[in-house]
């Protein structure tokens, strides 16, 4: 009875070790992907932009994650749940309504706009300062002055000609804020869109 040459057995063992290493690496990669998705699920909300009120910062169809743990600061992009305010932000009965805007002023601040420029007097300050807003599109209409109440936020869309926000509807409670867009997510919109297409096909 003929014996199989030893070198064939050694080759098969090498192939088996390579296959085992590849499968192990694939399993580790899959675990890391699941762990990353779980982390994002617990700490961030996936938001799909619908509409043009945040141009030229965000566009219709953009995807981004907003942190549910960040405290809002002036200038942050925020997502608000306005489902309970159909009088201000109309929507169908039983339908949820969310909006994405930019936080401009917080509790105790005073704010007004004149000649297309927004002026802010921060809480505790004595003078109004003109805001530098290179991110805006269109012209801000005149409004105010408005004093932001306790536990409230004053917000505007970046597309000032096409945004339903605090200019018309006043301030909303901070409790309406679902999340804050982080600098990382804003700097990697395209990367996040690719991630979402891979991990959540059909959403974008």
N, C-alpha and C. Protein backbone atom coordinates (compact mmCIF):
# COMPACT_ATOMS: atom_id res chain seq x y z
N UNK A 1 0.85 -1.19 0.00
CA UNK A 1 0.00 0.00 0.00
C UNK A 1 0.88 1.24 0.00
N UNK A 2 0.64 2.13 -0.93
CA UNK A 2 1.49 3.31 -1.06
C UNK A 2 1.16 4.32 0.02
N UNK A 3 2.18 5.02 0.51
CA UNK A 3 2.02 6.09 1.50
C UNK A 3 1.99 7.45 0.80
N UNK A 4 1.18 8.38 1.38
CA UNK A 4 1.17 9.74 0.83
C UNK A 4 2.48 10.42 1.18
N UNK A 5 3.09 11.05 0.20
CA UNK A 5 4.36 11.73 0.50
C UNK A 5 4.20 12.74 1.63
N UNK A 6 5.18 12.85 2.47
CA UNK A 6 5.13 13.71 3.65
C UNK A 6 4.96 15.18 3.28
N UNK A 7 5.58 15.60 2.15
CA UNK A 7 5.54 17.03 1.80
C UNK A 7 4.10 17.47 1.49
N UNK A 8 3.23 16.54 1.00
CA UNK A 8 1.84 16.89 0.75
C UNK A 8 1.11 17.15 2.07
N UNK A 9 1.40 16.35 3.07
CA UNK A 9 0.79 16.56 4.38
C UNK A 9 1.22 17.88 4.99
N UNK A 10 2.46 18.24 4.83
CA UNK A 10 2.96 19.51 5.35
C UNK A 10 2.30 20.68 4.64
N UNK A 11 2.10 20.57 3.33
CA UNK A 11 1.44 21.64 2.59
C UNK A 11 0.01 21.82 3.08
N UNK A 12 -0.68 20.73 3.30
CA UNK A 12 -2.06 20.80 3.79
C UNK A 12 -2.11 21.44 5.16
N UNK A 13 -1.11 21.13 6.00
CA UNK A 13 -1.08 21.73 7.34
C UNK A 13 -0.86 23.24 7.25
N UNK A 14 0.02 23.66 6.32
CA UNK A 14 0.25 25.09 6.13
C UNK A 14 -1.02 25.78 5.65
N UNK A 15 -1.70 25.14 4.69
CA UNK A 15 -2.95 25.72 4.19
C UNK A 15 -4.00 25.80 5.29
N UNK A 16 -4.04 24.78 6.14
CA UNK A 16 -4.99 24.78 7.24
C UNK A 16 -4.69 25.90 8.22
N UNK A 17 -3.39 26.14 8.50
CA UNK A 17 -3.02 27.22 9.43
C UNK A 17 -3.38 28.58 8.83
N UNK A 18 -3.14 28.75 7.52
CA UNK A 18 -3.48 30.02 6.86
C UNK A 18 -4.99 30.25 6.91
N UNK A 19 -5.76 29.20 6.60
CA UNK A 19 -7.22 29.32 6.63
C UNK A 19 -7.71 29.65 8.03
N UNK A 20 -7.12 29.02 9.02
CA UNK A 20 -7.49 29.28 10.41
C UNK A 20 -7.19 30.73 10.80
N UNK A 21 -6.02 31.22 10.35
CA UNK A 21 -5.66 32.61 10.66
C UNK A 21 -6.62 33.59 9.99
N UNK A 22 -6.99 33.31 8.74
CA UNK A 22 -7.93 34.18 8.01
C UNK A 22 -9.28 34.19 8.69
N UNK A 23 -9.78 33.01 9.09
CA UNK A 23 -11.08 32.93 9.75
C UNK A 23 -11.05 33.64 11.10
N UNK A 24 -9.93 33.49 11.82
CA UNK A 24 -9.80 34.17 13.10
C UNK A 24 -9.82 35.69 12.93
N UNK A 25 -9.07 36.17 11.94
CA UNK A 25 -9.04 37.62 11.67
C UNK A 25 -10.42 38.12 11.27
N UNK A 26 -11.13 37.34 10.45
CA UNK A 26 -12.47 37.73 10.01
C UNK A 26 -13.42 37.80 11.20
N UNK A 27 -13.31 36.82 12.11
CA UNK A 27 -14.17 36.81 13.31
C UNK A 27 -13.88 38.02 14.19
N UNK A 28 -12.59 38.33 14.37
CA UNK A 28 -12.21 39.48 15.19
C UNK A 28 -12.74 40.77 14.57
N UNK A 29 -12.59 40.89 13.25
CA UNK A 29 -13.08 42.08 12.55
C UNK A 29 -14.59 42.21 12.71
N UNK A 30 -15.30 41.10 12.58
CA UNK A 30 -16.76 41.12 12.72
C UNK A 30 -17.16 41.53 14.13
N UNK A 31 -16.44 41.00 15.13
CA UNK A 31 -16.73 41.36 16.52
C UNK A 31 -16.49 42.85 16.75
N UNK A 32 -15.41 43.38 16.18
CA UNK A 32 -15.11 44.81 16.32
C UNK A 32 -16.20 45.66 15.67
N UNK A 33 -16.67 45.22 14.50
CA UNK A 33 -17.73 45.96 13.82
C UNK A 33 -19.00 45.96 14.66
N UNK A 34 -19.36 44.80 15.21
CA UNK A 34 -20.54 44.71 16.07
C UNK A 34 -20.37 45.59 17.31
N UNK A 35 -19.16 45.57 17.90
CA UNK A 35 -18.90 46.36 19.10
C UNK A 35 -19.01 47.85 18.79
N UNK A 36 -18.47 48.26 17.64
CA UNK A 36 -18.55 49.67 17.25
C UNK A 36 -19.99 50.08 17.03
N UNK A 37 -20.76 49.23 16.37
CA UNK A 37 -22.16 49.55 16.12
C UNK A 37 -22.94 49.62 17.43
N UNK A 38 -22.64 48.72 18.37
CA UNK A 38 -23.30 48.73 19.67
C UNK A 38 -22.96 50.01 20.43
N UNK A 39 -21.67 50.40 20.38
CA UNK A 39 -21.25 51.64 21.06
C UNK A 39 -21.99 52.84 20.48
N UNK A 40 -22.04 52.92 19.16
CA UNK A 40 -22.73 54.04 18.53
C UNK A 40 -24.21 54.03 18.85
N UNK A 41 -24.80 52.83 18.89
CA UNK A 41 -26.23 52.72 19.18
C UNK A 41 -26.55 53.24 20.57
N UNK A 42 -25.66 52.99 21.54
CA UNK A 42 -25.91 53.38 22.93
C UNK A 42 -25.57 54.84 23.20
N UNK A 43 -24.68 55.41 22.41
CA UNK A 43 -24.22 56.77 22.69
C UNK A 43 -24.60 57.81 21.63
N UNK A 44 -25.07 57.34 20.49
CA UNK A 44 -25.39 58.25 19.40
C UNK A 44 -26.71 57.87 18.75
N UNK A 45 -27.33 58.84 18.12
CA UNK A 45 -28.49 58.59 17.29
C UNK A 45 -28.12 58.82 15.84
N UNK A 46 -28.53 57.91 14.98
CA UNK A 46 -28.32 58.08 13.55
C UNK A 46 -29.40 59.01 13.01
N UNK A 47 -28.98 60.07 12.35
CA UNK A 47 -29.91 61.07 11.83
C UNK A 47 -29.74 61.16 10.31
N UNK A 48 -30.85 61.13 9.61
CA UNK A 48 -30.85 61.35 8.17
C UNK A 48 -31.49 62.70 7.91
N UNK A 49 -30.76 63.57 7.26
CA UNK A 49 -31.23 64.94 7.01
C UNK A 49 -32.30 64.92 5.94
N UNK A 50 -33.42 65.57 6.23
CA UNK A 50 -34.54 65.65 5.30
C UNK A 50 -34.89 67.13 5.11
N UNK A 51 -34.54 67.68 3.96
CA UNK A 51 -34.82 69.08 3.71
C UNK A 51 -33.57 69.91 3.56
N UNK A 52 -33.76 71.21 3.35
CA UNK A 52 -32.65 72.09 3.02
C UNK A 52 -32.40 73.18 4.06
N UNK A 53 -33.01 73.08 5.24
CA UNK A 53 -32.93 74.18 6.21
C UNK A 53 -31.55 74.34 6.84
N UNK A 54 -30.65 73.34 6.65
CA UNK A 54 -29.31 73.45 7.22
C UNK A 54 -28.22 73.62 6.15
N UNK A 55 -28.62 73.90 4.90
CA UNK A 55 -27.61 74.20 3.89
C UNK A 55 -26.93 75.53 4.22
N UNK A 56 -25.64 75.71 3.93
CA UNK A 56 -24.77 74.80 3.22
C UNK A 56 -23.93 73.88 4.14
N UNK A 57 -24.39 73.67 5.36
CA UNK A 57 -23.66 72.79 6.27
C UNK A 57 -24.06 71.34 6.05
N UNK A 58 -25.36 71.10 5.99
CA UNK A 58 -25.89 69.76 5.78
C UNK A 58 -26.88 69.81 4.63
N UNK A 59 -26.90 68.71 3.88
CA UNK A 59 -27.78 68.65 2.71
C UNK A 59 -28.78 67.50 2.85
N UNK A 60 -29.88 67.63 2.13
CA UNK A 60 -30.89 66.58 2.11
C UNK A 60 -30.25 65.24 1.77
N UNK A 61 -30.50 64.24 2.61
CA UNK A 61 -29.93 62.92 2.39
C UNK A 61 -28.65 62.65 3.16
N UNK A 62 -28.04 63.66 3.75
CA UNK A 62 -26.85 63.44 4.57
C UNK A 62 -27.18 62.56 5.77
N UNK A 63 -26.20 61.78 6.20
CA UNK A 63 -26.35 60.95 7.40
C UNK A 63 -25.29 61.37 8.42
N UNK A 64 -25.68 61.46 9.67
CA UNK A 64 -24.72 61.78 10.72
C UNK A 64 -25.19 61.20 12.03
N UNK A 65 -24.25 61.04 12.95
CA UNK A 65 -24.56 60.60 14.30
C UNK A 65 -24.54 61.81 15.23
N UNK A 66 -25.53 61.88 16.12
CA UNK A 66 -25.54 62.92 17.14
C UNK A 66 -25.42 62.26 18.51
N UNK A 67 -24.61 62.87 19.37
CA UNK A 67 -24.36 62.34 20.69
C UNK A 67 -25.54 62.62 21.62
N UNK A 68 -25.99 61.58 22.33
CA UNK A 68 -27.07 61.75 23.28
C UNK A 68 -26.55 62.14 24.66
N UNK A 69 -25.22 62.23 24.79
CA UNK A 69 -24.62 62.51 26.10
C UNK A 69 -23.95 63.88 26.18
N UNK A 70 -23.77 64.54 25.04
CA UNK A 70 -23.14 65.85 25.03
C UNK A 70 -24.11 66.92 25.54
N UNK A 71 -23.57 67.87 26.32
CA UNK A 71 -24.37 69.02 26.71
C UNK A 71 -24.28 70.07 25.62
N UNK A 72 -25.42 70.68 25.31
CA UNK A 72 -25.47 71.62 24.20
C UNK A 72 -24.72 72.91 24.54
N UNK A 73 -23.99 73.43 23.57
CA UNK A 73 -23.31 74.72 23.68
C UNK A 73 -23.73 75.60 22.52
N UNK A 74 -23.54 76.89 22.68
CA UNK A 74 -23.86 77.81 21.59
C UNK A 74 -23.09 77.42 20.33
N UNK A 75 -23.79 77.39 19.22
CA UNK A 75 -23.16 77.04 17.95
C UNK A 75 -23.27 75.58 17.59
N UNK A 76 -23.71 74.73 18.52
CA UNK A 76 -23.85 73.31 18.23
C UNK A 76 -25.01 73.05 17.28
N UNK A 77 -24.86 72.04 16.44
CA UNK A 77 -25.98 71.54 15.65
C UNK A 77 -26.72 70.51 16.50
N UNK A 78 -28.02 70.68 16.60
CA UNK A 78 -28.82 69.85 17.51
C UNK A 78 -30.01 69.25 16.77
N UNK A 79 -30.48 68.13 17.29
CA UNK A 79 -31.72 67.50 16.81
C UNK A 79 -32.76 67.64 17.91
N UNK A 80 -33.93 68.16 17.55
CA UNK A 80 -34.99 68.37 18.53
C UNK A 80 -36.22 67.55 18.16
N UNK A 81 -36.87 67.03 19.19
CA UNK A 81 -38.13 66.33 19.02
C UNK A 81 -39.25 67.34 19.24
N UNK A 82 -39.97 67.67 18.17
CA UNK A 82 -41.05 68.66 18.26
C UNK A 82 -42.41 68.01 18.02
N UNK A 83 -42.47 66.71 18.26
CA UNK A 83 -43.71 65.97 18.06
C UNK A 83 -44.85 66.55 18.89
N UNK A 84 -44.53 67.01 20.10
CA UNK A 84 -45.57 67.51 21.00
C UNK A 84 -46.00 68.94 20.67
N UNK A 85 -45.42 69.54 19.62
CA UNK A 85 -45.75 70.92 19.27
C UNK A 85 -46.25 71.02 17.83
N UNK A 86 -47.36 70.34 17.51
CA UNK A 86 -47.88 70.44 16.14
C UNK A 86 -48.39 71.84 15.82
N UNK A 87 -48.64 72.66 16.86
CA UNK A 87 -49.06 74.03 16.62
C UNK A 87 -47.94 74.87 16.02
N UNK A 88 -46.70 74.52 16.36
CA UNK A 88 -45.53 75.26 15.87
C UNK A 88 -44.88 74.59 14.66
N UNK A 89 -44.83 73.26 14.70
CA UNK A 89 -44.19 72.48 13.64
C UNK A 89 -45.19 71.44 13.14
N UNK A 90 -46.02 71.83 12.19
CA UNK A 90 -47.14 70.98 11.75
C UNK A 90 -46.68 69.60 11.26
N UNK A 91 -47.46 68.59 11.62
CA UNK A 91 -47.25 67.24 11.12
C UNK A 91 -48.54 66.45 11.33
N UNK A 92 -48.61 65.30 10.67
CA UNK A 92 -49.80 64.47 10.75
C UNK A 92 -49.99 63.91 12.16
N UNK A 93 -51.25 63.75 12.56
CA UNK A 93 -51.56 63.17 13.87
C UNK A 93 -50.97 61.76 13.96
N UNK A 94 -50.32 61.47 15.08
CA UNK A 94 -49.70 60.18 15.29
C UNK A 94 -48.32 60.03 14.69
N UNK A 95 -47.89 61.05 13.97
CA UNK A 95 -46.57 61.03 13.33
C UNK A 95 -45.55 61.75 14.20
N UNK A 96 -44.33 61.20 14.28
CA UNK A 96 -43.26 61.87 15.01
C UNK A 96 -42.63 62.94 14.12
N UNK A 97 -42.18 64.02 14.76
CA UNK A 97 -41.56 65.12 14.01
C UNK A 97 -40.26 65.52 14.68
N UNK A 98 -39.17 65.48 13.93
CA UNK A 98 -37.86 65.88 14.42
C UNK A 98 -37.30 66.95 13.50
N UNK A 99 -36.55 67.87 14.06
CA UNK A 99 -35.91 68.91 13.26
C UNK A 99 -34.44 69.00 13.65
N UNK A 100 -33.62 69.44 12.70
CA UNK A 100 -32.19 69.63 12.96
C UNK A 100 -31.86 71.10 12.70
N UNK A 101 -31.29 71.76 13.71
CA UNK A 101 -31.02 73.19 13.66
C UNK A 101 -29.70 73.47 14.36
N UNK A 102 -29.39 74.78 14.53
CA UNK A 102 -28.18 75.18 15.24
C UNK A 102 -28.58 75.98 16.49
N UNK A 103 -28.04 75.56 17.64
CA UNK A 103 -28.29 76.29 18.89
C UNK A 103 -27.55 77.62 18.84
N UNK A 104 -28.28 78.72 19.00
CA UNK A 104 -27.68 80.04 18.90
C UNK A 104 -27.55 80.70 20.26
N UNK A 105 -28.55 80.50 21.12
CA UNK A 105 -28.53 81.15 22.44
C UNK A 105 -29.12 80.20 23.48
N UNK A 106 -28.64 80.33 24.72
CA UNK A 106 -29.07 79.47 25.82
C UNK A 106 -29.64 80.31 26.96
N UNK A 107 -30.00 79.61 28.01
CA UNK A 107 -30.66 80.23 29.17
C UNK A 107 -29.99 81.52 29.63
N UNK A 108 -30.78 82.59 29.73
CA UNK A 108 -30.28 83.88 30.21
C UNK A 108 -29.68 84.77 29.15
N UNK A 109 -29.46 84.24 27.94
CA UNK A 109 -28.93 85.04 26.84
C UNK A 109 -30.01 85.97 26.29
N UNK A 110 -29.58 87.07 25.71
CA UNK A 110 -30.48 87.94 24.96
C UNK A 110 -29.98 88.00 23.52
N UNK A 111 -30.93 88.03 22.58
CA UNK A 111 -30.56 87.91 21.19
C UNK A 111 -31.51 88.71 20.31
N UNK A 112 -30.97 89.30 19.26
CA UNK A 112 -31.81 89.94 18.25
C UNK A 112 -31.05 89.95 16.93
N UNK A 113 -31.79 90.21 15.85
CA UNK A 113 -31.16 90.31 14.53
C UNK A 113 -31.61 91.59 13.85
N UNK A 114 -30.68 92.21 13.17
CA UNK A 114 -30.97 93.46 12.48
C UNK A 114 -30.04 93.58 11.28
N UNK A 115 -30.60 93.90 10.14
CA UNK A 115 -29.78 94.05 8.94
C UNK A 115 -29.04 92.81 8.53
N UNK A 116 -29.62 91.65 8.83
CA UNK A 116 -29.00 90.38 8.45
C UNK A 116 -27.93 89.89 9.41
N UNK A 117 -27.72 90.60 10.51
CA UNK A 117 -26.69 90.22 11.49
C UNK A 117 -27.36 89.86 12.81
N UNK A 118 -26.90 88.77 13.43
CA UNK A 118 -27.43 88.34 14.73
C UNK A 118 -26.52 88.89 15.82
N UNK A 119 -27.15 89.49 16.83
CA UNK A 119 -26.42 90.04 17.97
C UNK A 119 -26.80 89.27 19.23
N UNK A 120 -25.78 88.92 20.01
CA UNK A 120 -25.99 88.11 21.22
C UNK A 120 -25.35 88.79 22.42
N UNK A 121 -26.13 88.84 23.50
CA UNK A 121 -25.58 89.23 24.79
C UNK A 121 -25.68 88.00 25.69
N UNK A 122 -24.55 87.35 25.91
CA UNK A 122 -24.54 86.12 26.68
C UNK A 122 -24.92 86.39 28.14
N UNK A 123 -25.49 85.39 28.78
CA UNK A 123 -25.88 85.52 30.18
C UNK A 123 -24.71 86.00 31.02
N UNK A 124 -24.94 87.06 31.80
CA UNK A 124 -23.89 87.60 32.65
C UNK A 124 -23.06 88.68 32.00
N UNK A 125 -23.18 88.83 30.69
CA UNK A 125 -22.45 89.87 29.97
C UNK A 125 -23.27 91.16 29.92
N UNK A 126 -22.59 92.28 29.62
CA UNK A 126 -23.28 93.57 29.62
C UNK A 126 -23.49 94.15 28.23
N UNK A 127 -22.82 93.57 27.20
CA UNK A 127 -22.92 94.15 25.86
C UNK A 127 -23.27 93.09 24.83
N UNK A 128 -23.96 93.53 23.79
CA UNK A 128 -24.25 92.67 22.66
C UNK A 128 -23.04 92.58 21.74
N UNK A 129 -22.83 91.38 21.21
CA UNK A 129 -21.75 91.16 20.25
C UNK A 129 -22.33 90.56 18.98
N UNK A 130 -21.86 91.05 17.82
CA UNK A 130 -22.31 90.49 16.54
C UNK A 130 -21.71 89.10 16.37
N UNK A 131 -22.54 88.15 15.99
CA UNK A 131 -22.06 86.79 15.78
C UNK A 131 -21.41 86.65 14.42
N UNK A 132 -20.32 85.93 14.40
CA UNK A 132 -19.70 85.55 13.13
C UNK A 132 -20.32 84.22 12.70
N UNK A 133 -21.02 84.24 11.57
CA UNK A 133 -21.73 83.04 11.13
C UNK A 133 -21.40 82.71 9.66
N UNK A 134 -20.19 82.23 9.42
CA UNK A 134 -19.79 81.94 8.04
C UNK A 134 -20.55 80.76 7.43
N UNK A 135 -21.27 80.02 8.25
CA UNK A 135 -21.97 78.83 7.80
C UNK A 135 -23.35 79.15 7.21
N UNK A 136 -23.83 80.37 7.30
CA UNK A 136 -25.21 80.65 6.89
C UNK A 136 -25.36 80.79 5.39
N UNK A 137 -26.59 80.55 4.94
CA UNK A 137 -26.99 80.74 3.56
C UNK A 137 -28.22 81.64 3.56
N UNK A 138 -28.29 82.59 2.66
CA UNK A 138 -29.40 83.52 2.66
C UNK A 138 -29.20 84.61 3.70
N UNK A 139 -30.27 85.34 3.98
CA UNK A 139 -30.18 86.47 4.90
C UNK A 139 -31.09 86.28 6.10
N UNK A 140 -30.56 86.53 7.28
CA UNK A 140 -31.35 86.43 8.50
C UNK A 140 -32.31 87.59 8.59
N UNK A 141 -33.59 87.29 8.82
CA UNK A 141 -34.58 88.34 8.98
C UNK A 141 -34.46 89.02 10.34
N UNK A 142 -34.95 90.23 10.43
CA UNK A 142 -34.93 90.96 11.71
C UNK A 142 -35.87 90.29 12.71
N UNK A 143 -35.43 90.20 13.95
CA UNK A 143 -36.29 89.69 15.02
C UNK A 143 -35.77 90.20 16.35
N UNK A 144 -36.62 90.01 17.38
CA UNK A 144 -36.20 90.29 18.75
C UNK A 144 -36.29 91.75 19.14
N UNK A 145 -35.72 92.06 20.30
CA UNK A 145 -34.87 91.17 21.10
C UNK A 145 -35.66 90.09 21.84
N UNK A 146 -34.99 88.96 22.08
CA UNK A 146 -35.56 87.81 22.77
C UNK A 146 -34.65 87.46 23.94
N UNK A 147 -35.26 87.23 25.10
CA UNK A 147 -34.51 86.72 26.25
C UNK A 147 -34.82 85.24 26.40
N UNK A 148 -33.80 84.41 26.39
CA UNK A 148 -33.99 82.96 26.47
C UNK A 148 -34.31 82.59 27.91
N UNK A 149 -35.42 81.89 28.09
CA UNK A 149 -35.88 81.54 29.42
C UNK A 149 -35.10 80.40 30.06
N UNK A 150 -35.39 80.15 31.32
CA UNK A 150 -34.72 79.08 32.06
C UNK A 150 -34.98 77.73 31.40
N UNK A 151 -33.90 77.00 31.19
CA UNK A 151 -34.01 75.67 30.61
C UNK A 151 -34.49 75.66 29.17
N UNK A 152 -34.18 76.73 28.41
CA UNK A 152 -34.63 76.81 27.02
C UNK A 152 -33.45 77.02 26.08
N UNK A 153 -33.74 76.87 24.78
CA UNK A 153 -32.74 77.07 23.75
C UNK A 153 -33.37 77.85 22.60
N UNK A 154 -32.61 78.77 22.03
CA UNK A 154 -33.02 79.52 20.84
C UNK A 154 -32.20 78.97 19.68
N UNK A 155 -32.87 78.57 18.60
CA UNK A 155 -32.19 77.88 17.51
C UNK A 155 -32.62 78.43 16.17
N UNK A 156 -31.71 78.33 15.21
CA UNK A 156 -31.96 78.77 13.84
C UNK A 156 -31.41 77.73 12.87
N UNK A 157 -31.99 77.67 11.68
CA UNK A 157 -31.40 76.87 10.61
C UNK A 157 -30.31 77.67 9.93
N UNK A 158 -29.34 76.98 9.35
CA UNK A 158 -28.26 77.68 8.66
C UNK A 158 -28.75 78.33 7.37
N UNK A 159 -29.77 77.75 6.75
CA UNK A 159 -30.37 78.34 5.55
C UNK A 159 -31.45 79.30 6.02
N UNK A 160 -31.07 80.53 6.24
CA UNK A 160 -31.95 81.48 6.92
C UNK A 160 -33.18 81.86 6.11
N UNK A 161 -33.16 81.65 4.80
CA UNK A 161 -34.33 81.95 3.97
C UNK A 161 -35.33 80.80 3.94
N UNK A 162 -34.95 79.66 4.50
CA UNK A 162 -35.80 78.47 4.34
C UNK A 162 -35.74 77.59 5.59
N UNK A 163 -36.09 78.16 6.74
CA UNK A 163 -36.02 77.41 7.98
C UNK A 163 -37.13 77.85 8.93
N UNK A 164 -37.85 76.86 9.45
CA UNK A 164 -38.86 77.10 10.48
C UNK A 164 -38.18 76.89 11.83
N UNK A 165 -37.97 77.97 12.58
CA UNK A 165 -37.17 77.87 13.78
C UNK A 165 -37.60 78.90 14.82
N UNK A 166 -36.69 79.27 15.72
CA UNK A 166 -37.04 80.18 16.81
C UNK A 166 -37.35 81.60 16.34
N UNK A 167 -36.92 81.93 15.14
CA UNK A 167 -37.24 83.26 14.62
C UNK A 167 -38.76 83.46 14.55
N UNK A 168 -39.47 82.40 14.16
CA UNK A 168 -40.93 82.46 14.09
C UNK A 168 -41.60 81.89 15.34
N UNK A 169 -41.02 80.83 15.90
CA UNK A 169 -41.72 80.05 16.92
C UNK A 169 -41.15 80.17 18.32
N UNK A 170 -40.14 81.01 18.51
CA UNK A 170 -39.60 81.21 19.84
C UNK A 170 -38.75 80.04 20.33
N UNK A 171 -38.45 80.08 21.61
CA UNK A 171 -37.56 79.09 22.21
C UNK A 171 -38.31 77.79 22.52
N UNK A 172 -37.55 76.72 22.68
CA UNK A 172 -38.10 75.44 23.13
C UNK A 172 -37.31 74.94 24.33
N UNK A 173 -37.91 74.06 25.15
CA UNK A 173 -37.19 73.50 26.30
C UNK A 173 -35.98 72.67 25.86
N UNK A 174 -34.94 72.70 26.68
CA UNK A 174 -33.77 71.87 26.40
C UNK A 174 -34.13 70.38 26.36
N UNK A 175 -35.21 70.03 27.04
CA UNK A 175 -35.63 68.63 27.07
C UNK A 175 -36.06 68.13 25.69
N UNK A 176 -36.32 69.04 24.76
CA UNK A 176 -36.67 68.64 23.39
C UNK A 176 -35.45 68.16 22.60
N UNK A 177 -34.25 68.50 23.09
CA UNK A 177 -33.03 68.14 22.37
C UNK A 177 -32.73 66.66 22.54
N UNK A 178 -32.63 65.95 21.42
CA UNK A 178 -32.32 64.52 21.44
C UNK A 178 -30.83 64.26 21.36
N UNK A 179 -30.10 65.14 20.72
CA UNK A 179 -28.67 64.91 20.57
C UNK A 179 -27.95 66.10 19.95
N UNK A 180 -26.64 66.06 20.07
CA UNK A 180 -25.76 67.12 19.58
C UNK A 180 -24.76 66.52 18.58
N UNK A 181 -24.65 67.14 17.43
CA UNK A 181 -23.68 66.67 16.43
C UNK A 181 -22.27 67.00 16.88
N UNK A 182 -21.39 66.02 16.89
CA UNK A 182 -20.01 66.23 17.30
C UNK A 182 -19.17 66.74 16.14
N UNK A 183 -18.05 67.35 16.47
CA UNK A 183 -17.13 67.85 15.44
C UNK A 183 -16.66 66.71 14.53
N UNK A 184 -16.44 65.52 15.11
CA UNK A 184 -15.96 64.39 14.32
C UNK A 184 -16.99 64.00 13.27
N UNK A 185 -18.25 63.89 13.67
CA UNK A 185 -19.26 63.47 12.70
C UNK A 185 -19.44 64.50 11.60
N UNK A 186 -19.37 65.78 11.96
CA UNK A 186 -19.53 66.83 10.95
C UNK A 186 -18.37 66.84 9.97
N UNK A 187 -17.19 66.45 10.45
CA UNK A 187 -16.00 66.45 9.59
C UNK A 187 -15.92 65.20 8.72
N UNK A 188 -16.76 64.20 8.99
CA UNK A 188 -16.67 62.93 8.27
C UNK A 188 -18.05 62.49 7.77
N UNK A 189 -18.80 63.43 7.22
CA UNK A 189 -20.14 63.12 6.71
C UNK A 189 -20.09 62.03 5.65
N UNK A 190 -19.15 62.12 4.70
CA UNK A 190 -19.06 61.13 3.62
C UNK A 190 -18.70 59.76 4.16
N UNK A 191 -17.78 59.70 5.14
CA UNK A 191 -17.40 58.43 5.74
C UNK A 191 -18.59 57.79 6.44
N UNK A 192 -19.36 58.59 7.15
CA UNK A 192 -20.52 58.07 7.86
C UNK A 192 -21.57 57.58 6.88
N UNK A 193 -21.76 58.31 5.79
CA UNK A 193 -22.72 57.87 4.77
C UNK A 193 -22.32 56.51 4.22
N UNK A 194 -21.03 56.30 3.97
CA UNK A 194 -20.55 55.01 3.49
C UNK A 194 -20.77 53.91 4.51
N UNK A 195 -20.51 54.23 5.77
CA UNK A 195 -20.72 53.27 6.86
C UNK A 195 -22.20 52.88 6.93
N UNK A 196 -23.08 53.87 6.84
CA UNK A 196 -24.51 53.61 6.93
C UNK A 196 -24.99 52.77 5.76
N UNK A 197 -24.47 53.06 4.56
CA UNK A 197 -24.86 52.27 3.39
C UNK A 197 -24.45 50.81 3.55
N UNK A 198 -23.29 50.59 4.20
CA UNK A 198 -22.81 49.22 4.41
C UNK A 198 -23.59 48.53 5.52
N UNK A 199 -23.75 49.23 6.65
CA UNK A 199 -24.29 48.58 7.84
C UNK A 199 -25.82 48.70 7.96
N UNK A 200 -26.38 49.72 7.34
CA UNK A 200 -27.83 49.93 7.37
C UNK A 200 -28.33 50.16 5.95
N UNK A 201 -28.19 49.15 5.07
CA UNK A 201 -28.54 49.34 3.66
C UNK A 201 -30.00 49.77 3.50
N UNK A 202 -30.21 50.68 2.56
CA UNK A 202 -31.55 51.14 2.29
C UNK A 202 -31.92 52.45 2.97
N UNK A 203 -31.12 52.85 3.97
CA UNK A 203 -31.44 54.09 4.68
C UNK A 203 -31.00 55.31 3.90
N UNK A 204 -29.84 55.24 3.24
CA UNK A 204 -29.35 56.37 2.46
C UNK A 204 -29.04 55.91 1.04
